PDB file of N, CA and C in Angstrom:
ATOM      1  N   MET A   1     101.783  82.622  87.042  1.00  0.00           N
ATOM      2  CA  MET A   1     101.766  82.651  88.483  1.00  0.00           C
ATOM      3  C   MET A   1     101.382  84.038  89.007  1.00  0.00           C
ATOM      4  N   ASN A   2     101.900  85.095  88.364  1.00  0.00           N
ATOM      5  CA  ASN A   2     101.548  86.456  88.770  1.00  0.00           C
ATOM      6  C   ASN A   2     100.062  86.713  88.586  1.00  0.00           C
ATOM      7  N   ALA A   3      99.481  86.183  87.503  1.00  0.00           N
ATOM      8  CA  ALA A   3      98.046  86.343  87.265  1.00  0.00           C
ATOM      9  C   ALA A   3      97.247  85.691  88.381  1.00  0.00           C
ATOM     10  N   LEU A   4      97.676  84.533  88.828  1.00  0.00           N
ATOM     11  CA  LEU A   4      96.978  83.845  89.921  1.00  0.00           C
ATOM     12  C   LEU A   4      97.052  84.667  91.200  1.00  0.00           C
ATOM     13  N   ARG A   5      98.204  85.249  91.487  1.00  0.00           N
ATOM     14  CA  ARG A   5      98.345  86.103  92.677  1.00  0.00           C
ATOM     15  C   ARG A   5      97.430  87.318  92.599  1.00  0.00           C
ATOM     16  N   ILE A   6      97.330  87.911  91.428  1.00  0.00           N
ATOM     17  CA  ILE A   6      96.463  89.078  91.252  1.00  0.00           C
ATOM     18  C   ILE A   6      95.004  88.693  91.472  1.00  0.00           C
ATOM     19  N   VAL A   7      94.595  87.553  90.892  1.00  0.00           N
ATOM     20  CA  VAL A   7      93.215  87.087  91.067  1.00  0.00           C
ATOM     21  C   VAL A   7      92.929  86.813  92.533  1.00  0.00           C
ATOM     22  N   LEU A   8      93.851  86.160  93.226  1.00  0.00           N
ATOM     23  CA  LEU A   8      93.663  85.884  94.655  1.00  0.00           C
ATOM     24  C   LEU A   8      93.607  87.173  95.461  1.00  0.00           C
ATOM     25  N   ALA A   9      94.467  88.123  95.147  1.00  0.00           N
ATOM     26  CA  ALA A   9      94.463  89.409  95.866  1.00  0.00           C
ATOM     27  C   ALA A   9      93.150  90.137  95.652  1.00  0.00           C
ATOM     28  N   LEU A  10      92.658  90.149  94.423  1.00  0.00           N
ATOM     29  CA  LEU A  10      91.373  90.795  94.142  1.00  0.00           C
ATOM     30  C   LEU A  10      90.232  90.100  94.867  1.00  0.00           C
ATOM     31  N   ALA A  11      90.245  88.784  94.871  1.00  0.00           N
ATOM     32  CA  ALA A  11      89.184  88.033  95.555  1.00  0.00           C
ATOM     33  C   ALA A  11      89.194  88.321  97.053  1.00  0.00           C
ATOM     34  N   LEU A  12      90.379  88.352  97.641  1.00  0.00           N
ATOM     35  CA  LEU A  12      90.467  88.638  99.076  1.00  0.00           C
ATOM     36  C   LEU A  12      90.031  90.058  99.389  1.00  0.00           C
ATOM     37  N   SER A  13      90.409  91.025  98.559  1.00  0.00           N
ATOM     38  CA  SER A  13      90.008  92.398  98.828  1.00  0.00           C
ATOM     39  C   SER A  13      88.514  92.575  98.625  1.00  0.00           C
ATOM     40  N   ALA A  14      87.919  91.877  97.671  1.00  0.00           N
ATOM     41  CA  ALA A  14      86.472  91.979  97.444  1.00  0.00           C
ATOM     42  C   ALA A  14      85.693  91.410  98.615  1.00  0.00           C
ATOM     43  N   THR A  15      86.189  90.346  99.211  1.00  0.00           N
ATOM     44  CA  THR A  15      85.471  89.781 100.346  1.00  0.00           C
ATOM     45  C   THR A  15      85.689  90.609 101.598  1.00  0.00           C
ATOM     46  N   ALA A  16      86.781  91.339 101.678  1.00  0.00           N
ATOM     47  CA  ALA A  16      87.047  92.157 102.852  1.00  0.00           C
ATOM     48  C   ALA A  16      86.203  93.423 102.862  1.00  0.00           C
ATOM     49  N   LEU A  17      85.844  93.959 101.706  1.00  0.00           N
ATOM     50  CA  LEU A  17      85.098  95.211 101.656  1.00  0.00           C
ATOM     51  C   LEU A  17      83.730  95.124 102.308  1.00  0.00           C
ATOM     52  N   PRO A  18      82.883  94.124 102.017  1.00  0.00           N
ATOM     53  CA  PRO A  18      81.593  94.081 102.681  1.00  0.00           C
ATOM     54  C   PRO A  18      81.720  93.966 104.196  1.00  0.00           C
ATOM     55  N   ALA A  19      82.682  93.223 104.670  1.00  0.00           N
ATOM     56  CA  ALA A  19      82.841  93.087 106.116  1.00  0.00           C
ATOM     57  C   ALA A  19      83.202  94.426 106.738  1.00  0.00           C
ATOM     58  N   ALA A  20      84.063  95.186 106.075  1.00  0.00           N
ATOM     59  CA  ALA A  20      84.444  96.494 106.606  1.00  0.00           C
ATOM     60  C   ALA A  20      83.250  97.429 106.608  1.00  0.00           C
ATOM     61  N   ALA A  21      82.440  97.400 105.554  1.00  0.00           N
ATOM     62  CA  ALA A  21      81.271  98.274 105.491  1.00  0.00           C
ATOM     63  C   ALA A  21      80.257  97.894 106.552  1.00  0.00           C
ATOM     64  N   ALA A  22      80.053  96.611 106.755  1.00  0.00           N
ATOM     65  CA  ALA A  22      79.078  96.148 107.734  1.00  0.00           C
ATOM     66  C   ALA A  22      79.499  96.519 109.152  1.00  0.00           C
ATOM     67  N   SER A  23      80.796  96.635 109.386  1.00  0.00           N
ATOM     68  CA  SER A  23      81.263  96.909 110.729  1.00  0.00           C
ATOM     69  C   SER A  23      80.940  98.332 111.187  1.00  0.00           C
ATOM     70  N   SER A  24      80.519  99.212 110.270  1.00  0.00           N
ATOM     71  CA  SER A  24      80.187 100.577 110.662  1.00  0.00           C
ATOM     72  C   SER A  24      78.701 100.741 110.975  1.00  0.00           C
ATOM     73  N   CYS A  25      77.960  99.625 111.026  1.00  0.00           N
ATOM     74  CA  CYS A  25      76.514  99.662 111.262  1.00  0.00           C
ATOM     75  C   CYS A  25      76.141  98.992 112.578  1.00  0.00           C
ATOM     76  N   THR A  26      75.109  99.537 113.205  1.00  0.00           N
ATOM     77  CA  THR A  26      74.510  98.894 114.369  1.00  0.00           C
ATOM     78  C   THR A  26      73.008  98.780 114.114  1.00  0.00           C
ATOM     79  N   GLN A  27      72.397  97.797 114.722  1.00  0.00           N
ATOM     80  CA  GLN A  27      70.948  97.619 114.591  1.00  0.00           C
ATOM     81  C   GLN A  27      70.416  97.059 115.902  1.00  0.00           C
ATOM     82  N   GLU A  28      69.276  97.579 116.306  1.00  0.00           N
ATOM     83  CA  GLU A  28      68.674  97.133 117.551  1.00  0.00           C
ATOM     84  C   GLU A  28      67.160  97.141 117.412  1.00  0.00           C
ATOM     85  N   THR A  29      66.508  96.195 118.064  1.00  0.00           N
ATOM     86  CA  THR A  29      65.051  96.142 118.068  1.00  0.00           C
ATOM     87  C   THR A  29      64.560  96.468 119.470  1.00  0.00           C
ATOM     88  N   LEU A  30      63.734  97.512 119.565  1.00  0.00           N
ATOM     89  CA  LEU A  30      63.117  97.924 120.820  1.00  0.00           C
ATOM     90  C   LEU A  30      61.644  97.546 120.766  1.00  0.00           C
ATOM     91  N   THR A  31      61.060  97.211 121.894  1.00  0.00           N
ATOM     92  CA  THR A  31      59.634  96.903 121.948  1.00  0.00           C
ATOM     93  C   THR A  31      58.886  98.124 122.465  1.00  0.00           C
ATOM     94  N   VAL A  32      58.007  98.662 121.613  1.00  0.00           N
ATOM     95  CA  VAL A  32      57.229  99.856 121.946  1.00  0.00           C
ATOM     96  C   VAL A  32      55.763  99.462 121.966  1.00  0.00           C
ATOM     97  N   ARG A  33      55.185  99.474 123.155  1.00  0.00           N
ATOM     98  CA  ARG A  33      53.781  99.079 123.333  1.00  0.00           C
ATOM     99  C   ARG A  33      53.475  97.749 122.656  1.00  0.00           C
ATOM    100  N   GLY A  34      54.376  96.789 122.838  1.00  0.00           N
ATOM    101  CA  GLY A  34      54.180  95.449 122.300  1.00  0.00           C
ATOM    102  C   GLY A  34      54.578  95.265 120.849  1.00  0.00           C
ATOM    103  N   THR A  35      55.023  96.311 120.188  1.00  0.00           N
ATOM    104  CA  THR A  35      55.408  96.233 118.773  1.00  0.00           C
ATOM    105  C   THR A  35      56.923  96.366 118.642  1.00  0.00           C
ATOM    106  N   PRO A  36      57.563  95.420 117.944  1.00  0.00           N
ATOM    107  CA  PRO A  36      59.011  95.555 117.712  1.00  0.00           C
ATOM    108  C   PRO A  36      59.308  96.708 116.748  1.00  0.00           C
ATOM    109  N   VAL A  37      60.240  97.549 117.131  1.00  0.00           N
ATOM    110  CA  VAL A  37      60.700  98.667 116.297  1.00  0.00           C
ATOM    111  C   VAL A  37      62.203  98.463 116.099  1.00  0.00           C
ATOM    112  N   THR A  38      62.591  98.230 114.853  1.00  0.00           N
ATOM    113  CA  THR A  38      63.997  98.005 114.542  1.00  0.00           C
ATOM    114  C   THR A  38      64.610  99.309 114.044  1.00  0.00           C
ATOM    115  N   ILE A  39      65.730  99.680 114.678  1.00  0.00           N
ATOM    116  CA  ILE A  39      66.405 100.938 114.371  1.00  0.00           C
ATOM    117  C   ILE A  39      67.867 100.628 114.072  1.00  0.00           C
ATOM    118  N   GLY A  40      68.350 101.164 112.959  1.00  0.00           N
ATOM    119  CA  GLY A  40      69.740 100.953 112.589  1.00  0.00           C
ATOM    120  C   GLY A  40      70.429 102.263 112.270  1.00  0.00           C
ATOM    121  N   TYR A  41      71.708 102.299 112.553  1.00  0.00           N
ATOM    122  CA  TYR A  41      72.537 103.460 112.223  1.00  0.00           C
ATOM    123  C   TYR A  41      73.805 102.957 111.541  1.00  0.00           C
ATOM    124  N   CYS A  42      74.078 103.482 110.347  1.00  0.00           N
ATOM    125  CA  CYS A  42      75.307 103.172 109.625  1.00  0.00           C
ATOM    126  C   CYS A  42      76.094 104.459 109.421  1.00  0.00           C
ATOM    127  N   VAL A  43      77.303 104.482 109.918  1.00  0.00           N
ATOM    128  CA  VAL A  43      78.194 105.606 109.649  1.00  0.00           C
ATOM    129  C   VAL A  43      78.599 105.470 108.188  1.00  0.00           C
ATOM    130  N   ASN A  44      78.266 106.473 107.374  1.00  0.00           N
ATOM    131  CA  ASN A  44      78.483 106.332 105.931  1.00  0.00           C
ATOM    132  C   ASN A  44      79.490 107.321 105.361  1.00  0.00           C
ATOM    133  N   GLY A  45      80.407 107.735 106.161  1.00  0.00           N
ATOM    134  CA  GLY A  45      81.458 108.638 105.700  1.00  0.00           C
ATOM    135  C   GLY A  45      82.415 108.907 106.848  1.00  0.00           C
ATOM    136  N   SER A  46      83.422 109.655 106.560  1.00  0.00           N
ATOM    137  CA  SER A  46      84.404 109.981 107.591  1.00  0.00           C
ATOM    138  C   SER A  46      83.881 111.102 108.480  1.00  0.00           C
ATOM    139  N   PRO A  47      83.965 110.916 109.785  1.00  0.00           N
ATOM    140  CA  PRO A  47      83.618 112.015 110.687  1.00  0.00           C
ATOM    141  C   PRO A  47      84.549 113.194 110.404  1.00  0.00           C
ATOM    142  N   ARG A  48      84.025 114.406 110.588  1.00  0.00           N
ATOM    143  CA  ARG A  48      84.833 115.587 110.335  1.00  0.00           C
ATOM    144  C   ARG A  48      84.649 116.592 111.466  1.00  0.00           C
ATOM    145  N   SER A  49      85.655 117.375 111.648  1.00  0.00           N
ATOM    146  CA  SER A  49      85.602 118.411 112.675  1.00  0.00           C
ATOM    147  C   SER A  49      84.682 119.531 112.212  1.00  0.00           C
ATOM    148  N   ALA A  50      83.883 120.017 113.134  1.00  0.00           N
ATOM    149  CA  ALA A  50      83.033 121.172 112.846  1.00  0.00           C
ATOM    150  C   ALA A  50      83.582 122.398 113.557  1.00  0.00           C
ATOM    151  N   GLY A  51      84.813 122.309 113.975  1.00  0.00           N
ATOM    152  CA  GLY A  51      85.440 123.415 114.696  1.00  0.00           C
ATOM    153  C   GLY A  51      85.188 123.289 116.179  1.00  0.00           C
ATOM    154  N   GLY A  52      86.103 123.766 116.936  1.00  0.00           N
ATOM    155  CA  GLY A  52      85.945 123.705 118.385  1.00  0.00           C
ATOM    156  C   GLY A  52      85.901 122.276 118.891  1.00  0.00           C
ATOM    157  N   ASP A  53      84.920 122.013 119.708  1.00  0.00           N
ATOM    158  CA  ASP A  53      84.804 120.706 120.355  1.00  0.00           C
ATOM    159  C   ASP A  53      83.767 119.815 119.694  1.00  0.00           C
ATOM    160  N   GLU A  54      83.498 119.979 118.412  1.00  0.00           N
ATOM    161  CA  GLU A  54      82.421 119.252 117.770  1.00  0.00           C
ATOM    162  C   GLU A  54      82.927 118.401 116.610  1.00  0.00           C
ATOM    163  N   VAL A  55      82.398 117.173 116.529  1.00  0.00           N
ATOM    164  CA  VAL A  55      82.667 116.294 115.405  1.00  0.00           C
ATOM    165  C   VAL A  55      81.328 115.941 114.755  1.00  0.00           C
ATOM    166  N   VAL A  56      81.286 116.012 113.431  1.00  0.00           N
ATOM    167  CA  VAL A  56      80.075 115.711 112.674  1.00  0.00           C
ATOM    168  C   VAL A  56      80.228 114.304 112.102  1.00  0.00           C
ATOM    169  N   VAL A  57      79.247 113.438 112.398  1.00  0.00           N
ATOM    170  CA  VAL A  57      79.275 112.049 111.953  1.00  0.00           C
ATOM    171  C   VAL A  57      78.124 111.833 110.975  1.00  0.00           C
ATOM    172  N   PRO A  58      78.422 111.557 109.694  1.00  0.00           N
ATOM    173  CA  PRO A  58      77.355 111.291 108.733  1.00  0.00           C
ATOM    174  C   PRO A  58      76.824 109.870 108.907  1.00  0.00           C
ATOM    175  N   VAL A  59      75.500 109.734 108.972  1.00  0.00           N
ATOM    176  CA  VAL A  59      74.887 108.419 109.157  1.00  0.00           C
ATOM    177  C   VAL A  59      73.703 108.251 108.209  1.00  0.00           C
ATOM    178  N   VAL A  60      73.368 106.997 107.983  1.00  0.00           N
ATOM    179  CA  VAL A  60      72.088 106.643 107.389  1.00  0.00           C
ATOM    180  C   VAL A  60      71.346 105.897 108.481  1.00  0.00           C
ATOM    181  N   ALA A  61      70.192 106.430 108.855  1.00  0.00           N
ATOM    182  CA  ALA A  61      69.371 105.826 109.903  1.00  0.00           C
ATOM    183  C   ALA A  61      68.204 105.110 109.240  1.00  0.00           C
ATOM    184  N   SER A  62      67.876 103.927 109.742  1.00  0.00           N
ATOM    185  CA  SER A  62      66.732 103.188 109.207  1.00  0.00           C
ATOM    186  C   SER A  62      65.816 102.789 110.358  1.00  0.00           C
ATOM    187  N   TYR A  63      64.510 102.820 110.073  1.00  0.00           N
ATOM    188  CA  TYR A  63      63.489 102.545 111.078  1.00  0.00           C
ATOM    189  C   TYR A  63      62.452 101.622 110.460  1.00  0.00           C
ATOM    190  N   ASN A  64      62.018 100.605 111.218  1.00  0.00           N
ATOM    191  CA  ASN A  64      61.053  99.639 110.703  1.00  0.00           C
ATOM    192  C   ASN A  64      60.170  99.165 111.854  1.00  0.00           C
ATOM    193  N   ALA A  65      58.847  99.195 111.623  1.00  0.00           N
ATOM    194  CA  ALA A  65      57.900  98.679 112.617  1.00  0.00           C
ATOM    195  C   ALA A  65      56.591  98.351 111.922  1.00  0.00           C
ATOM    196  N   ALA A  66      56.006  97.231 112.299  1.00  0.00           N
ATOM    197  CA  ALA A  66      54.666  96.862 111.839  1.00  0.00           C
ATOM    198  C   ALA A  66      54.515  96.973 110.320  1.00  0.00           C
ATOM    199  N   GLY A  67      55.542  96.583 109.571  1.00  0.00           N
ATOM    200  CA  GLY A  67      55.471  96.610 108.113  1.00  0.00           C
ATOM    201  C   GLY A  67      55.743  97.953 107.474  1.00  0.00           C
ATOM    202  N   ALA A  68      55.918  98.995 108.256  1.00  0.00           N
ATOM    203  CA  ALA A  68      56.235 100.322 107.713  1.00  0.00           C
ATOM    204  C   ALA A  68      57.710 100.606 107.995  1.00  0.00           C
ATOM    205  N   SER A  69      58.364 101.237 107.033  1.00  0.00           N
ATOM    206  CA  SER A  69      59.772 101.560 107.248  1.00  0.00           C
ATOM    207  C   SER A  69      60.149 102.821 106.480  1.00  0.00           C
ATOM    208  N   PHE A  70      61.212 103.431 106.917  1.00  0.00           N
ATOM    209  CA  PHE A  70      61.804 104.550 106.195  1.00  0.00           C
ATOM    210  C   PHE A  70      63.256 104.684 106.630  1.00  0.00           C
ATOM    211  N   SER A  71      64.015 105.388 105.832  1.00  0.00           N
ATOM    212  CA  SER A  71      65.397 105.678 106.190  1.00  0.00           C
ATOM    213  C   SER A  71      65.697 107.120 105.808  1.00  0.00           C
ATOM    214  N   ARG A  72      66.748 107.636 106.395  1.00  0.00           N
ATOM    215  CA  ARG A  72      67.132 109.017 106.114  1.00  0.00           C
ATOM    216  C   ARG A  72      68.624 109.179 106.375  1.00  0.00           C
ATOM    217  N   SER A  73      69.194 110.126 105.679  1.00  0.00           N
ATOM    218  CA  SER A  73      70.582 110.504 105.924  1.00  0.00           C
ATOM    219  C   SER A  73      70.577 111.673 106.904  1.00  0.00           C
ATOM    220  N   ALA A  74      71.565 111.680 107.769  1.00  0.00           N
ATOM    221  CA  ALA A  74      71.655 112.759 108.752  1.00  0.00           C
ATOM    222  C   ALA A  74      73.112 112.992 109.117  1.00  0.00           C
ATOM    223  N   GLU A  75      73.359 114.140 109.692  1.00  0.00           N
ATOM    224  CA  GLU A  75      74.656 114.440 110.272  1.00  0.00           C
ATOM    225  C   GLU A  75      74.446 114.647 111.758  1.00  0.00           C
ATOM    226  N   LEU A  76      75.033 113.779 112.551  1.00  0.00           N
ATOM    227  CA  LEU A  76      74.904 113.873 114.003  1.00  0.00           C
ATOM    228  C   LEU A  76      76.119 114.614 114.548  1.00  0.00           C
ATOM    229  N   HIS A  77      75.877 115.525 115.478  1.00  0.00           N
ATOM    230  CA  HIS A  77      76.934 116.371 116.035  1.00  0.00           C
ATOM    231  C   HIS A  77      77.266 115.887 117.447  1.00  0.00           C
ATOM    232  N   PHE A  78      78.472 115.394 117.609  1.00  0.00           N
ATOM    233  CA  PHE A  78      78.934 114.878 118.896  1.00  0.00           C
ATOM    234  C   PHE A  78      80.077 115.741 119.413  1.00  0.00           C
ATOM    235  N   VAL A  79      80.373 115.600 120.696  1.00  0.00           N
ATOM    236  CA  VAL A  79      81.510 116.298 121.301  1.00  0.00           C
ATOM    237  C   VAL A  79      82.777 115.559 120.879  1.00  0.00           C
ATOM    238  N   ALA A  80      83.736 116.300 120.353  1.00  0.00           N
ATOM    239  CA  ALA A  80      84.998 115.704 119.891  1.00  0.00           C
ATOM    240  C   ALA A  80      85.890 115.354 121.070  1.00  0.00           C
ATOM    241  N   GLY A  81      86.721 114.349 120.858  1.00  0.00           N
ATOM    242  CA  GLY A  81      87.745 114.003 121.832  1.00  0.00           C
ATOM    243  C   GLY A  81      87.271 113.179 123.011  1.00  0.00           C
ATOM    244  N   GLU A  82      86.017 112.796 123.039  1.00  0.00           N
ATOM    245  CA  GLU A  82      85.487 111.980 124.137  1.00  0.00           C
ATOM    246  C   GLU A  82      85.542 110.503 123.750  1.00  0.00           C
ATOM    247  N   ARG A  83      85.755 109.636 124.733  1.00  0.00           N
ATOM    248  CA  ARG A  83      85.724 108.196 124.467  1.00  0.00           C
ATOM    249  C   ARG A  83      84.333 107.790 124.024  1.00  0.00           C
ATOM    250  N   VAL A  84      83.306 108.314 124.709  1.00  0.00           N
ATOM    251  CA  VAL A  84      81.904 108.122 124.332  1.00  0.00           C
ATOM    252  C   VAL A  84      81.240 109.492 124.370  1.00  0.00           C
ATOM    253  N   SER A  85      80.569 109.837 123.275  1.00  0.00           N
ATOM    254  CA  SER A  85      79.853 111.100 123.207  1.00  0.00           C
ATOM    255  C   SER A  85      78.395 110.802 122.889  1.00  0.00           C
ATOM    256  N   ARG A  86      77.480 111.631 123.391  1.00  0.00           N
ATOM    257  CA  ARG A  86      76.052 111.356 123.254  1.00  0.00           C
ATOM    258  C   ARG A  86      75.294 112.540 122.667  1.00  0.00           C
ATOM    259  N   VAL A  87      74.197 112.199 121.947  1.00  0.00           N
ATOM    260  CA  VAL A  87      73.248 113.197 121.462  1.00  0.00           C
ATOM    261  C   VAL A  87      71.848 112.617 121.634  1.00  0.00           C
ATOM    262  N   ILE A  88      70.865 113.501 121.585  1.00  0.00           N
ATOM    263  CA  ILE A  88      69.458 113.091 121.654  1.00  0.00           C
ATOM    264  C   ILE A  88      68.855 113.233 120.265  1.00  0.00           C
ATOM    265  N   GLU A  89      68.126 112.215 119.842  1.00  0.00           N
ATOM    266  CA  GLU A  89      67.403 112.273 118.576  1.00  0.00           C
ATOM    267  C   GLU A  89      65.954 111.883 118.850  1.00  0.00           C
ATOM    268  N   ASP A  90      65.021 112.625 118.253  1.00  0.00           N
ATOM    269  CA  ASP A  90      63.600 112.336 118.424  1.00  0.00           C
ATOM    270  C   ASP A  90      63.071 111.629 117.190  1.00  0.00           C
ATOM    271  N   LEU A  91      62.359 110.535 117.416  1.00  0.00           N
ATOM    272  CA  LEU A  91      61.764 109.754 116.334  1.00  0.00           C
ATOM    273  C   LEU A  91      60.249 109.806 116.469  1.00  0.00           C
ATOM    274  N   ASP A  92      59.587 110.458 115.511  1.00  0.00           N
ATOM    275  CA  ASP A  92      58.127 110.497 115.461  1.00  0.00           C
ATOM    276  C   ASP A  92      57.658 109.129 114.977  1.00  0.00           C
ATOM    277  N   LEU A  93      57.038 108.365 115.853  1.00  0.00           N
ATOM    278  CA  LEU A  93      56.643 106.996 115.534  1.00  0.00           C
ATOM    279  C   LEU A  93      55.522 106.908 114.509  1.00  0.00           C
ATOM    280  N   ALA A  94      54.835 108.018 114.224  1.00  0.00           N
ATOM    281  CA  ALA A  94      53.796 108.012 113.193  1.00  0.00           C
ATOM    282  C   ALA A  94      54.379 107.595 111.843  1.00  0.00           C
ATOM    283  N   LYS A  95      55.654 107.843 111.639  1.00  0.00           N
ATOM    284  CA  LYS A  95      56.310 107.487 110.380  1.00  0.00           C
ATOM    285  C   LYS A  95      56.427 105.976 110.189  1.00  0.00           C
ATOM    286  N   VAL A  96      56.268 105.215 111.279  1.00  0.00           N
ATOM    287  CA  VAL A  96      56.280 103.748 111.181  1.00  0.00           C
ATOM    288  C   VAL A  96      54.962 103.153 111.682  1.00  0.00           C
ATOM    289  N   GLY A  97      53.910 103.976 111.642  1.00  0.00           N
ATOM    290  CA  GLY A  97      52.576 103.483 111.952  1.00  0.00           C
ATOM    291  C   GLY A  97      52.229 103.353 113.422  1.00  0.00           C
ATOM    292  N   LEU A  98      52.986 103.972 114.300  1.00  0.00           N
ATOM    293  CA  LEU A  98      52.714 103.919 115.736  1.00  0.00           C
ATOM    294  C   LEU A  98      52.466 105.326 116.262  1.00  0.00           C
ATOM    295  N   GLN A  99      52.018 105.409 117.513  1.00  0.00           N
ATOM    296  CA  GLN A  99      51.765 106.712 118.121  1.00  0.00           C
ATOM    297  C   GLN A  99      52.842 107.056 119.134  1.00  0.00           C
ATOM    298  N   GLY A 100      53.157 108.333 119.215  1.00  0.00           N
ATOM    299  CA  GLY A 100      54.112 108.814 120.201  1.00  0.00           C
ATOM    300  C   GLY A 100      55.434 109.205 119.579  1.00  0.00           C
ATOM    301  N   THR A 101      56.347 109.565 120.457  1.00  0.00           N
ATOM    302  CA  THR A 101      57.693 109.960 120.055  1.00  0.00           C
ATOM    303  C   THR A 101      58.698 109.197 120.896  1.00  0.00           C
ATOM    304  N   LEU A 102      59.698 108.640 120.239  1.00  0.00           N
ATOM    305  CA  LEU A 102      60.811 108.023 120.946  1.00  0.00           C
ATOM    306  C   LEU A 102      61.934 109.046 121.031  1.00  0.00           C
ATOM    307  N   HIS A 103      62.367 109.328 122.237  1.00  0.00           N
ATOM    308  CA  HIS A 103      63.506 110.209 122.469  1.00  0.00           C
ATOM    309  C   HIS A 103      64.699 109.283 122.681  1.00  0.00           C
ATOM    310  N   LEU A 104      65.580 109.225 121.687  1.00  0.00           N
ATOM    311  CA  LEU A 104      66.698 108.290 121.697  1.00  0.00           C
ATOM    312  C   LEU A 104      67.973 108.980 122.151  1.00  0.00           C
ATOM    313  N   THR A 105      68.670 108.361 123.086  1.00  0.00           N
ATOM    314  CA  THR A 105      70.015 108.806 123.438  1.00  0.00           C
ATOM    315  C   THR A 105      70.962 107.966 122.608  1.00  0.00           C
ATOM    316  N   LEU A 106      71.671 108.625 121.692  1.00  0.00           N
ATOM    317  CA  LEU A 106      72.610 107.939 120.811  1.00  0.00           C
ATOM    318  C   LEU A 106      74.024 108.169 121.309  1.00  0.00           C
ATOM    319  N   ALA A 107      74.803 107.108 121.307  1.00  0.00           N
ATOM    320  CA  ALA A 107      76.196 107.192 121.736  1.00  0.00           C
ATOM    321  C   ALA A 107      77.102 106.919 120.542  1.00  0.00           C
ATOM    322  N   TYR A 108      78.172 107.690 120.446  1.00  0.00           N
ATOM    323  CA  TYR A 108      79.179 107.501 119.400  1.00  0.00           C
ATOM    324  C   TYR A 108      80.479 107.110 120.070  1.00  0.00           C
ATOM    325  N   SER A 109      80.975 105.926 119.699  1.00  0.00           N
ATOM    326  CA  SER A 109      82.213 105.423 120.275  1.00  0.00           C
ATOM    327  C   SER A 109      82.826 104.419 119.310  1.00  0.00           C
ATOM    328  N   ALA A 110      84.120 104.458 119.171  1.00  0.00           N
ATOM    329  CA  ALA A 110      84.856 103.511 118.329  1.00  0.00           C
ATOM    330  C   ALA A 110      84.300 103.442 116.907  1.00  0.00           C
ATOM    331  N   GLY A 111      83.847 104.581 116.382  1.00  0.00           N
ATOM    332  CA  GLY A 111      83.369 104.637 115.013  1.00  0.00           C
ATOM    333  C   GLY A 111      81.959 104.142 114.788  1.00  0.00           C
ATOM    334  N   LEU A 112      81.218 103.855 115.865  1.00  0.00           N
ATOM    335  CA  LEU A 112      79.847 103.354 115.756  1.00  0.00           C
ATOM    336  C   LEU A 112      78.870 104.262 116.489  1.00  0.00           C
ATOM    337  N   VAL A 113      77.649 104.324 115.961  1.00  0.00           N
ATOM    338  CA  VAL A 113      76.546 105.012 116.630  1.00  0.00           C
ATOM    339  C   VAL A 113      75.571 103.939 117.078  1.00  0.00           C
ATOM    340  N   HIS A 114      75.242 103.943 118.360  1.00  0.00           N
ATOM    341  CA  HIS A 114      74.263 102.972 118.860  1.00  0.00           C
ATOM    342  C   HIS A 114      73.309 103.637 119.848  1.00  0.00           C
ATOM    343  N   ILE A 115      72.192 102.963 120.091  1.00  0.00           N
ATOM    344  CA  ILE A 115      71.171 103.476 121.011  1.00  0.00           C
ATOM    345  C   ILE A 115      71.585 103.126 122.437  1.00  0.00           C
ATOM    346  N   GLU A 116      71.718 104.155 123.248  1.00  0.00           N
ATOM    347  CA  GLU A 116      72.065 103.942 124.652  1.00  0.00           C
ATOM    348  C   GLU A 116      70.819 103.963 125.540  1.00  0.00           C
ATOM    349  N   GLY A 117      69.824 104.756 125.140  1.00  0.00           N
ATOM    350  CA  GLY A 117      68.594 104.850 125.926  1.00  0.00           C
ATOM    351  C   GLY A 117      67.449 105.282 125.047  1.00  0.00           C
ATOM    352  N   ALA A 118      66.213 104.966 125.482  1.00  0.00           N
ATOM    353  CA  ALA A 118      65.023 105.363 124.731  1.00  0.00           C
ATOM    354  C   ALA A 118      63.881 105.632 125.704  1.00  0.00           C
ATOM    355  N   LEU A 119      63.211 106.755 125.496  1.00  0.00           N
ATOM    356  CA  LEU A 119      62.085 107.171 126.326  1.00  0.00           C
ATOM    357  C   LEU A 119      60.920 107.466 125.412  1.00  0.00           C
ATOM    358  N   LEU A 120      59.770 106.880 125.697  1.00  0.00           N
ATOM    359  CA  LEU A 120      58.558 107.079 124.884  1.00  0.00           C
ATOM    360  C   LEU A 120      57.678 108.134 125.532  1.00  0.00           C
ATOM    361  N   THR A 121      57.242 109.114 124.716  1.00  0.00           N
ATOM    362  CA  THR A 121      56.276 110.096 125.172  1.00  0.00           C
ATOM    363  C   THR A 121      55.105 110.088 124.200  1.00  0.00           C
ATOM    364  N   PRO A 122      53.898 110.427 124.643  1.00  0.00           N
ATOM    365  CA  PRO A 122      53.596 110.868 126.007  1.00  0.00           C
ATOM    366  C   PRO A 122      53.647 109.700 127.003  1.00  0.00           C
ATOM    367  N   GLY A 123      53.801 110.064 128.234  1.00  0.00           N
ATOM    368  CA  GLY A 123      53.805 109.088 129.307  1.00  0.00           C
ATOM    369  C   GLY A 123      55.171 108.843 129.932  1.00  0.00           C
ATOM    370  N   ALA A 124      56.233 109.310 129.318  1.00  0.00           N
ATOM    371  CA  ALA A 124      57.584 109.137 129.833  1.00  0.00           C
ATOM    372  C   ALA A 124      57.861 107.680 130.198  1.00  0.00           C
ATOM    373  N   VAL A 125      57.631 106.772 129.240  1.00  0.00           N
ATOM    374  CA  VAL A 125      57.822 105.337 129.441  1.00  0.00           C
ATOM    375  C   VAL A 125      59.240 104.987 129.020  1.00  0.00           C
ATOM    376  N   THR A 126      59.992 104.414 129.941  1.00  0.00           N
ATOM    377  CA  THR A 126      61.355 103.983 129.620  1.00  0.00           C
ATOM    378  C   THR A 126      61.282 102.724 128.768  1.00  0.00           C
ATOM    379  N   ILE A 127      61.870 102.786 127.566  1.00  0.00           N
ATOM    380  CA  ILE A 127      61.914 101.641 126.653  1.00  0.00           C
ATOM    381  C   ILE A 127      63.258 100.943 126.777  1.00  0.00           C
ATOM    382  N   LYS A 128      64.287 101.741 126.954  1.00  0.00           N
ATOM    383  CA  LYS A 128      65.641 101.173 127.146  1.00  0.00           C
ATOM    384  C   LYS A 128      66.420 102.075 128.069  1.00  0.00           C
TER     385      LYS A 128
END
C-alpha cells in the first residue's frame, strides 16, 4: 500500500511540474505590416534584488515571424516593489526577416512578463 501511495505521489508531482513551468510564460502574436510576429517571454529563474529599487528578472525571450525565429536569454531590470513595473526593449525585426524595429513596453506583474505596448519604427506605427 505504501508503494502505491509513493507511485501516486510521484505521478501527481510529475504532472504538476509542467503546469507550474508553463505558468511563468506568456506569448502574444502581433501583426506587423500584415505579418504575424509571435513573441514569448518565460521567466526562467527567481527574480533577485540588484540593490536599491531594482529587481532583475531572468527571462528567455522567443521571436518568430515568416518562418524565421530566434530566442535569447536576458536579464530585465524592473523597479522593485511596484504592483506593475515596466521596461522598454527594442527588437530588430531583421532577425525575423522583416524591416524596422519594434519598441516593446514590457510589464512585469505577478511573476510574469508580458507585452503592454508596441511601436514600430520607422514611421512610429502603433502596433499595440
